[in-house]
Amino acid sequence: MELTAAISGLEAIKATSRQRVHLVSDSQYVIQGLTQWIENWIANQWRRGRKAGAVFARPQGALV
């Protein structure tokens, strides 16, 4: 749910806009996801682990 809120806020900004965005969140999941875990999510193709199913396909991918 936290990621959905972040995505909705970012989607409200025009896609063609080249303005800098400062995302503020009190959700540790969103903060750590975008600052610490994102590289592993991408490397694992949005899976929790290399053998796990694609659990993260939509939310995190939309934030990149």
PDB file of N, CA and C in Angstrom:
ATOM      1  N   MET A   1       0.800  -1.182   0.000  1.00  0.00           N
ATOM      2  CA  MET A   1       0.000   0.000   0.000  1.00  0.00           C
ATOM      3  C   MET A   1       0.853   1.260   0.000  1.00  0.00           C
ATOM      4  N   GLU A   2       1.967   1.240   0.708  1.00  0.00           N
ATOM      5  CA  GLU A   2       2.830   2.411   0.743  1.00  0.00           C
ATOM      6  C   GLU A   2       3.365   2.735  -0.644  1.00  0.00           C
ATOM      7  N   LEU A   3       3.762   1.690  -1.367  1.00  0.00           N
ATOM      8  CA  LEU A   3       4.288   1.915  -2.710  1.00  0.00           C
ATOM      9  C   LEU A   3       3.212   2.434  -3.652  1.00  0.00           C
ATOM     10  N   THR A   4       1.989   1.968  -3.468  1.00  0.00           N
ATOM     11  CA  THR A   4       0.886   2.437  -4.311  1.00  0.00           C
ATOM     12  C   THR A   4       0.683   3.937  -4.133  1.00  0.00           C
ATOM     13  N   ALA A   5       0.764   4.421  -2.913  1.00  0.00           N
ATOM     14  CA  ALA A   5       0.614   5.851  -2.653  1.00  0.00           C
ATOM     15  C   ALA A   5       1.747   6.637  -3.305  1.00  0.00           C
ATOM     16  N   ALA A   6       2.961   6.151  -3.198  1.00  0.00           N
ATOM     17  CA  ALA A   6       4.098   6.831  -3.816  1.00  0.00           C
ATOM     18  C   ALA A   6       3.949   6.858  -5.335  1.00  0.00           C
ATOM     19  N   ILE A   7       3.539   5.749  -5.908  1.00  0.00           N
ATOM     20  CA  ILE A   7       3.349   5.664  -7.355  1.00  0.00           C
ATOM     21  C   ILE A   7       2.249   6.612  -7.811  1.00  0.00           C
ATOM     22  N   SER A   8       1.139   6.649  -7.091  1.00  0.00           N
ATOM     23  CA  SER A   8       0.025   7.536  -7.458  1.00  0.00           C
ATOM     24  C   SER A   8       0.460   9.000  -7.455  1.00  0.00           C
ATOM     25  N   GLY A   9       1.231   9.374  -6.462  1.00  0.00           N
ATOM     26  CA  GLY A   9       1.723  10.743  -6.397  1.00  0.00           C
ATOM     27  C   GLY A   9       2.652  11.074  -7.544  1.00  0.00           C
ATOM     28  N   LEU A  10       3.524  10.145  -7.880  1.00  0.00           N
ATOM     29  CA  LEU A  10       4.455  10.377  -8.978  1.00  0.00           C
ATOM     30  C   LEU A  10       3.743  10.363 -10.329  1.00  0.00           C
ATOM     31  N   GLU A  11       2.729   9.533 -10.466  1.00  0.00           N
ATOM     32  CA  GLU A  11       1.972   9.482 -11.721  1.00  0.00           C
ATOM     33  C   GLU A  11       1.168  10.756 -11.952  1.00  0.00           C
ATOM     34  N   ALA A  12       0.869  11.485 -10.899  1.00  0.00           N
ATOM     35  CA  ALA A  12       0.116  12.729 -11.034  1.00  0.00           C
ATOM     36  C   ALA A  12       0.947  13.821 -11.702  1.00  0.00           C
ATOM     37  N   ILE A  13       2.249  13.640 -11.697  1.00  0.00           N
ATOM     38  CA  ILE A  13       3.141  14.595 -12.350  1.00  0.00           C
ATOM     39  C   ILE A  13       3.163  14.258 -13.840  1.00  0.00           C
ATOM     40  N   LYS A  14       3.175  15.257 -14.676  1.00  0.00           N
ATOM     41  CA  LYS A  14       3.199  15.023 -16.119  1.00  0.00           C
ATOM     42  C   LYS A  14       4.394  14.159 -16.495  1.00  0.00           C
ATOM     43  N   ALA A  15       4.157  13.157 -17.315  1.00  0.00           N
ATOM     44  CA  ALA A  15       5.217  12.248 -17.738  1.00  0.00           C
ATOM     45  C   ALA A  15       6.304  12.968 -18.527  1.00  0.00           C
ATOM     46  N   THR A  16       5.952  13.999 -19.240  1.00  0.00           N
ATOM     47  CA  THR A  16       6.937  14.725 -20.039  1.00  0.00           C
ATOM     48  C   THR A  16       7.652  15.812 -19.249  1.00  0.00           C
ATOM     49  N   SER A  17       7.238  16.015 -18.030  1.00  0.00           N
ATOM     50  CA  SER A  17       7.854  17.038 -17.192  1.00  0.00           C
ATOM     51  C   SER A  17       9.274  16.638 -16.823  1.00  0.00           C
ATOM     52  N   ARG A  18      10.183  17.592 -16.914  1.00  0.00           N
ATOM     53  CA  ARG A  18      11.582  17.333 -16.554  1.00  0.00           C
ATOM     54  C   ARG A  18      11.929  18.010 -15.241  1.00  0.00           C
ATOM     55  N   GLN A  19      10.957  18.173 -14.378  1.00  0.00           N
ATOM     56  CA  GLN A  19      11.228  18.811 -13.098  1.00  0.00           C
ATOM     57  C   GLN A  19      11.731  17.801 -12.079  1.00  0.00           C
ATOM     58  N   ARG A  20      12.520  18.265 -11.161  1.00  0.00           N
ATOM     59  CA  ARG A  20      13.046  17.429 -10.100  1.00  0.00           C
ATOM     60  C   ARG A  20      11.955  17.211  -9.057  1.00  0.00           C
ATOM     61  N   VAL A  21      11.853  15.994  -8.553  1.00  0.00           N
ATOM     62  CA  VAL A  21      10.821  15.646  -7.579  1.00  0.00           C
ATOM     63  C   VAL A  21      11.492  15.200  -6.288  1.00  0.00           C
ATOM     64  N   HIS A  22      10.985  15.675  -5.176  1.00  0.00           N
ATOM     65  CA  HIS A  22      11.470  15.275  -3.859  1.00  0.00           C
ATOM     66  C   HIS A  22      10.361  14.451  -3.213  1.00  0.00           C
ATOM     67  N   LEU A  23      10.577  13.150  -3.088  1.00  0.00           N
ATOM     68  CA  LEU A  23       9.585  12.244  -2.523  1.00  0.00           C
ATOM     69  C   LEU A  23       9.830  12.105  -1.022  1.00  0.00           C
ATOM     70  N   VAL A  24       8.824  12.398  -0.228  1.00  0.00           N
ATOM     71  CA  VAL A  24       8.917  12.307   1.228  1.00  0.00           C
ATOM     72  C   VAL A  24       7.978  11.199   1.691  1.00  0.00           C
ATOM     73  N   SER A  25       8.474  10.350   2.580  1.00  0.00           N
ATOM     74  CA  SER A  25       7.650   9.247   3.073  1.00  0.00           C
ATOM     75  C   SER A  25       8.048   8.910   4.503  1.00  0.00           C
ATOM     76  N   ASP A  26       7.079   8.479   5.295  1.00  0.00           N
ATOM     77  CA  ASP A  26       7.393   7.983   6.629  1.00  0.00           C
ATOM     78  C   ASP A  26       7.415   6.459   6.628  1.00  0.00           C
ATOM     79  N   SER A  27       7.297   5.871   5.447  1.00  0.00           N
ATOM     80  CA  SER A  27       7.313   4.415   5.311  1.00  0.00           C
ATOM     81  C   SER A  27       8.747   3.922   5.120  1.00  0.00           C
ATOM     82  N   GLN A  28       9.232   3.132   6.053  1.00  0.00           N
ATOM     83  CA  GLN A  28      10.563   2.567   5.936  1.00  0.00           C
ATOM     84  C   GLN A  28      10.665   1.641   4.728  1.00  0.00           C
ATOM     85  N   TYR A  29       9.567   1.001   4.371  1.00  0.00           N
ATOM     86  CA  TYR A  29       9.556   0.111   3.203  1.00  0.00           C
ATOM     87  C   TYR A  29       9.836   0.905   1.929  1.00  0.00           C
ATOM     88  N   VAL A  30       9.179   2.035   1.757  1.00  0.00           N
ATOM     89  CA  VAL A  30       9.394   2.876   0.576  1.00  0.00           C
ATOM     90  C   VAL A  30      10.810   3.452   0.591  1.00  0.00           C
ATOM     91  N   ILE A  31      11.226   3.990   1.717  1.00  0.00           N
ATOM     92  CA  ILE A  31      12.548   4.616   1.819  1.00  0.00           C
ATOM     93  C   ILE A  31      13.657   3.608   1.569  1.00  0.00           C
ATOM     94  N   GLN A  32      13.624   2.482   2.274  1.00  0.00           N
ATOM     95  CA  GLN A  32      14.671   1.481   2.094  1.00  0.00           C
ATOM     96  C   GLN A  32      14.588   0.836   0.713  1.00  0.00           C
ATOM     97  N   GLY A  33      13.370   0.659   0.214  1.00  0.00           N
ATOM     98  CA  GLY A  33      13.217   0.081  -1.111  1.00  0.00           C
ATOM     99  C   GLY A  33      13.894   0.907  -2.177  1.00  0.00           C
ATOM    100  N   LEU A  34      13.747   2.222  -2.095  1.00  0.00           N
ATOM    101  CA  LEU A  34      14.322   3.096  -3.116  1.00  0.00           C
ATOM    102  C   LEU A  34      15.777   3.454  -2.878  1.00  0.00           C
ATOM    103  N   THR A  35      16.265   3.275  -1.667  1.00  0.00           N
ATOM    104  CA  THR A  35      17.648   3.652  -1.387  1.00  0.00           C
ATOM    105  C   THR A  35      18.580   2.463  -1.190  1.00  0.00           C
ATOM    106  N   GLN A  36      18.042   1.324  -0.759  1.00  0.00           N
ATOM    107  CA  GLN A  36      18.897   0.183  -0.442  1.00  0.00           C
ATOM    108  C   GLN A  36      18.594  -1.069  -1.263  1.00  0.00           C
ATOM    109  N   TRP A  37      17.333  -1.370  -1.472  1.00  0.00           N
ATOM    110  CA  TRP A  37      16.953  -2.662  -2.055  1.00  0.00           C
ATOM    111  C   TRP A  37      16.754  -2.641  -3.554  1.00  0.00           C
ATOM    112  N   ILE A  38      16.601  -1.465  -4.153  1.00  0.00           N
ATOM    113  CA  ILE A  38      16.230  -1.362  -5.559  1.00  0.00           C
ATOM    114  C   ILE A  38      17.210  -2.074  -6.484  1.00  0.00           C
ATOM    115  N   GLU A  39      18.502  -1.982  -6.207  1.00  0.00           N
ATOM    116  CA  GLU A  39      19.495  -2.634  -7.068  1.00  0.00           C
ATOM    117  C   GLU A  39      19.317  -4.152  -7.066  1.00  0.00           C
ATOM    118  N   ASN A  40      19.036  -4.730  -5.902  1.00  0.00           N
ATOM    119  CA  ASN A  40      18.809  -6.179  -5.839  1.00  0.00           C
ATOM    120  C   ASN A  40      17.509  -6.568  -6.520  1.00  0.00           C
ATOM    121  N   TRP A  41      16.463  -5.746  -6.370  1.00  0.00           N
ATOM    122  CA  TRP A  41      15.202  -6.036  -7.043  1.00  0.00           C
ATOM    123  C   TRP A  41      15.414  -6.090  -8.558  1.00  0.00           C
ATOM    124  N   ILE A  42      16.161  -5.123  -9.083  1.00  0.00           N
ATOM    125  CA  ILE A  42      16.423  -5.087 -10.522  1.00  0.00           C
ATOM    126  C   ILE A  42      17.264  -6.289 -10.925  1.00  0.00           C
ATOM    127  N   ALA A  43      18.327  -6.581 -10.166  1.00  0.00           N
ATOM    128  CA  ALA A  43      19.197  -7.715 -10.479  1.00  0.00           C
ATOM    129  C   ALA A  43      18.437  -9.041 -10.452  1.00  0.00           C
ATOM    130  N   ASN A  44      17.461  -9.158  -9.559  1.00  0.00           N
ATOM    131  CA  ASN A  44      16.666 -10.388  -9.442  1.00  0.00           C
ATOM    132  C   ASN A  44      15.410 -10.357 -10.311  1.00  0.00           C
ATOM    133  N   GLN A  45      15.345  -9.380 -11.207  1.00  0.00           N
ATOM    134  CA  GLN A  45      14.202  -9.213 -12.104  1.00  0.00           C
ATOM    135  C   GLN A  45      12.889  -9.104 -11.333  1.00  0.00           C
ATOM    136  N   TRP A  46      12.903  -8.266 -10.287  1.00  0.00           N
ATOM    137  CA  TRP A  46      11.737  -7.945  -9.463  1.00  0.00           C
ATOM    138  C   TRP A  46      11.207  -9.139  -8.682  1.00  0.00           C
ATOM    139  N   ARG A  47      12.066 -10.114  -8.408  1.00  0.00           N
ATOM    140  CA  ARG A  47      11.677 -11.259  -7.587  1.00  0.00           C
ATOM    141  C   ARG A  47      12.310 -11.119  -6.220  1.00  0.00           C
ATOM    142  N   ARG A  48      11.720 -11.775  -5.240  1.00  0.00           N
ATOM    143  CA  ARG A  48      12.303 -11.751  -3.887  1.00  0.00           C
ATOM    144  C   ARG A  48      13.654 -12.444  -3.869  1.00  0.00           C
ATOM    145  N   GLY A  49      13.810 -13.435  -4.689  1.00  0.00           N
ATOM    146  CA  GLY A  49      15.059 -14.161  -4.843  1.00  0.00           C
ATOM    147  C   GLY A  49      15.120 -14.653  -6.274  1.00  0.00           C
ATOM    148  N   ARG A  50      16.241 -15.104  -6.703  1.00  0.00           N
ATOM    149  CA  ARG A  50      16.390 -15.511  -8.106  1.00  0.00           C
ATOM    150  C   ARG A  50      15.420 -16.620  -8.508  1.00  0.00           C
ATOM    151  N   LYS A  51      15.005 -17.474  -7.567  1.00  0.00           N
ATOM    152  CA  LYS A  51      14.114 -18.594  -7.890  1.00  0.00           C
ATOM    153  C   LYS A  51      12.653 -18.319  -7.556  1.00  0.00           C
ATOM    154  N   ALA A  52      12.380 -17.239  -6.869  1.00  0.00           N
ATOM    155  CA  ALA A  52      11.010 -16.927  -6.455  1.00  0.00           C
ATOM    156  C   ALA A  52      10.209 -16.348  -7.620  1.00  0.00           C
ATOM    157  N   GLY A  53       8.905 -16.372  -7.493  1.00  0.00           N
ATOM    158  CA  GLY A  53       8.034 -15.791  -8.509  1.00  0.00           C
ATOM    159  C   GLY A  53       8.161 -14.275  -8.538  1.00  0.00           C
ATOM    160  N   ALA A  54       7.697 -13.670  -9.598  1.00  0.00           N
ATOM    161  CA  ALA A  54       7.804 -12.214  -9.774  1.00  0.00           C
ATOM    162  C   ALA A  54       6.788 -11.500  -8.898  1.00  0.00           C
ATOM    163  N   VAL A  55       7.103 -11.337  -7.648  1.00  0.00           N
ATOM    164  CA  VAL A  55       6.193 -10.744  -6.679  1.00  0.00           C
ATOM    165  C   VAL A  55       6.100  -9.238  -6.854  1.00  0.00           C
ATOM    166  N   PHE A  56       7.198  -8.601  -7.243  1.00  0.00           N
ATOM    167  CA  PHE A  56       7.268  -7.146  -7.266  1.00  0.00           C
ATOM    168  C   PHE A  56       7.044  -6.530  -8.642  1.00  0.00           C
ATOM    169  N   ALA A  57       6.451  -7.224  -9.568  1.00  0.00           N
ATOM    170  CA  ALA A  57       6.411  -6.783 -10.955  1.00  0.00           C
ATOM    171  C   ALA A  57       5.913  -5.351 -11.136  1.00  0.00           C
ATOM    172  N   ARG A  58       4.852  -4.918 -10.524  1.00  0.00           N
ATOM    173  CA  ARG A  58       4.275  -3.603 -10.793  1.00  0.00           C
ATOM    174  C   ARG A  58       4.824  -2.468  -9.918  1.00  0.00           C
ATOM    175  N   PRO A  59       4.702  -2.550  -8.617  1.00  0.00           N
ATOM    176  CA  PRO A  59       4.997  -1.357  -7.817  1.00  0.00           C
ATOM    177  C   PRO A  59       6.410  -0.819  -7.923  1.00  0.00           C
ATOM    178  N   GLN A  60       7.397  -1.631  -7.665  1.00  0.00           N
ATOM    179  CA  GLN A  60       8.760  -1.115  -7.675  1.00  0.00           C
ATOM    180  C   GLN A  60       9.194  -0.741  -9.077  1.00  0.00           C
ATOM    181  N   GLY A  61       8.770  -1.495 -10.054  1.00  0.00           N
ATOM    182  CA  GLY A  61       9.125  -1.188 -11.425  1.00  0.00           C
ATOM    183  C   GLY A  61       8.606   0.168 -11.848  1.00  0.00           C
ATOM    184  N   ALA A  62       7.480   0.572 -11.341  1.00  0.00           N
ATOM    185  CA  ALA A  62       6.908   1.866 -11.681  1.00  0.00           C
ATOM    186  C   ALA A  62       7.689   3.020 -11.073  1.00  0.00           C
ATOM    187  N   LEU A  63       8.447   2.763 -10.042  1.00  0.00           N
ATOM    188  CA  LEU A  63       9.199   3.832  -9.382  1.00  0.00           C
ATOM    189  C   LEU A  63      10.561   4.079  -9.992  1.00  0.00           C
ATOM    190  N   VAL A  64      11.016   3.183 -10.842  1.00  0.00           N
ATOM    191  CA  VAL A  64      12.348   3.326 -11.435  1.00  0.00           C
ATOM    192  C   VAL A  64      12.290   4.252 -12.623  1.00  0.00           C
TER     193      VAL A  64
END
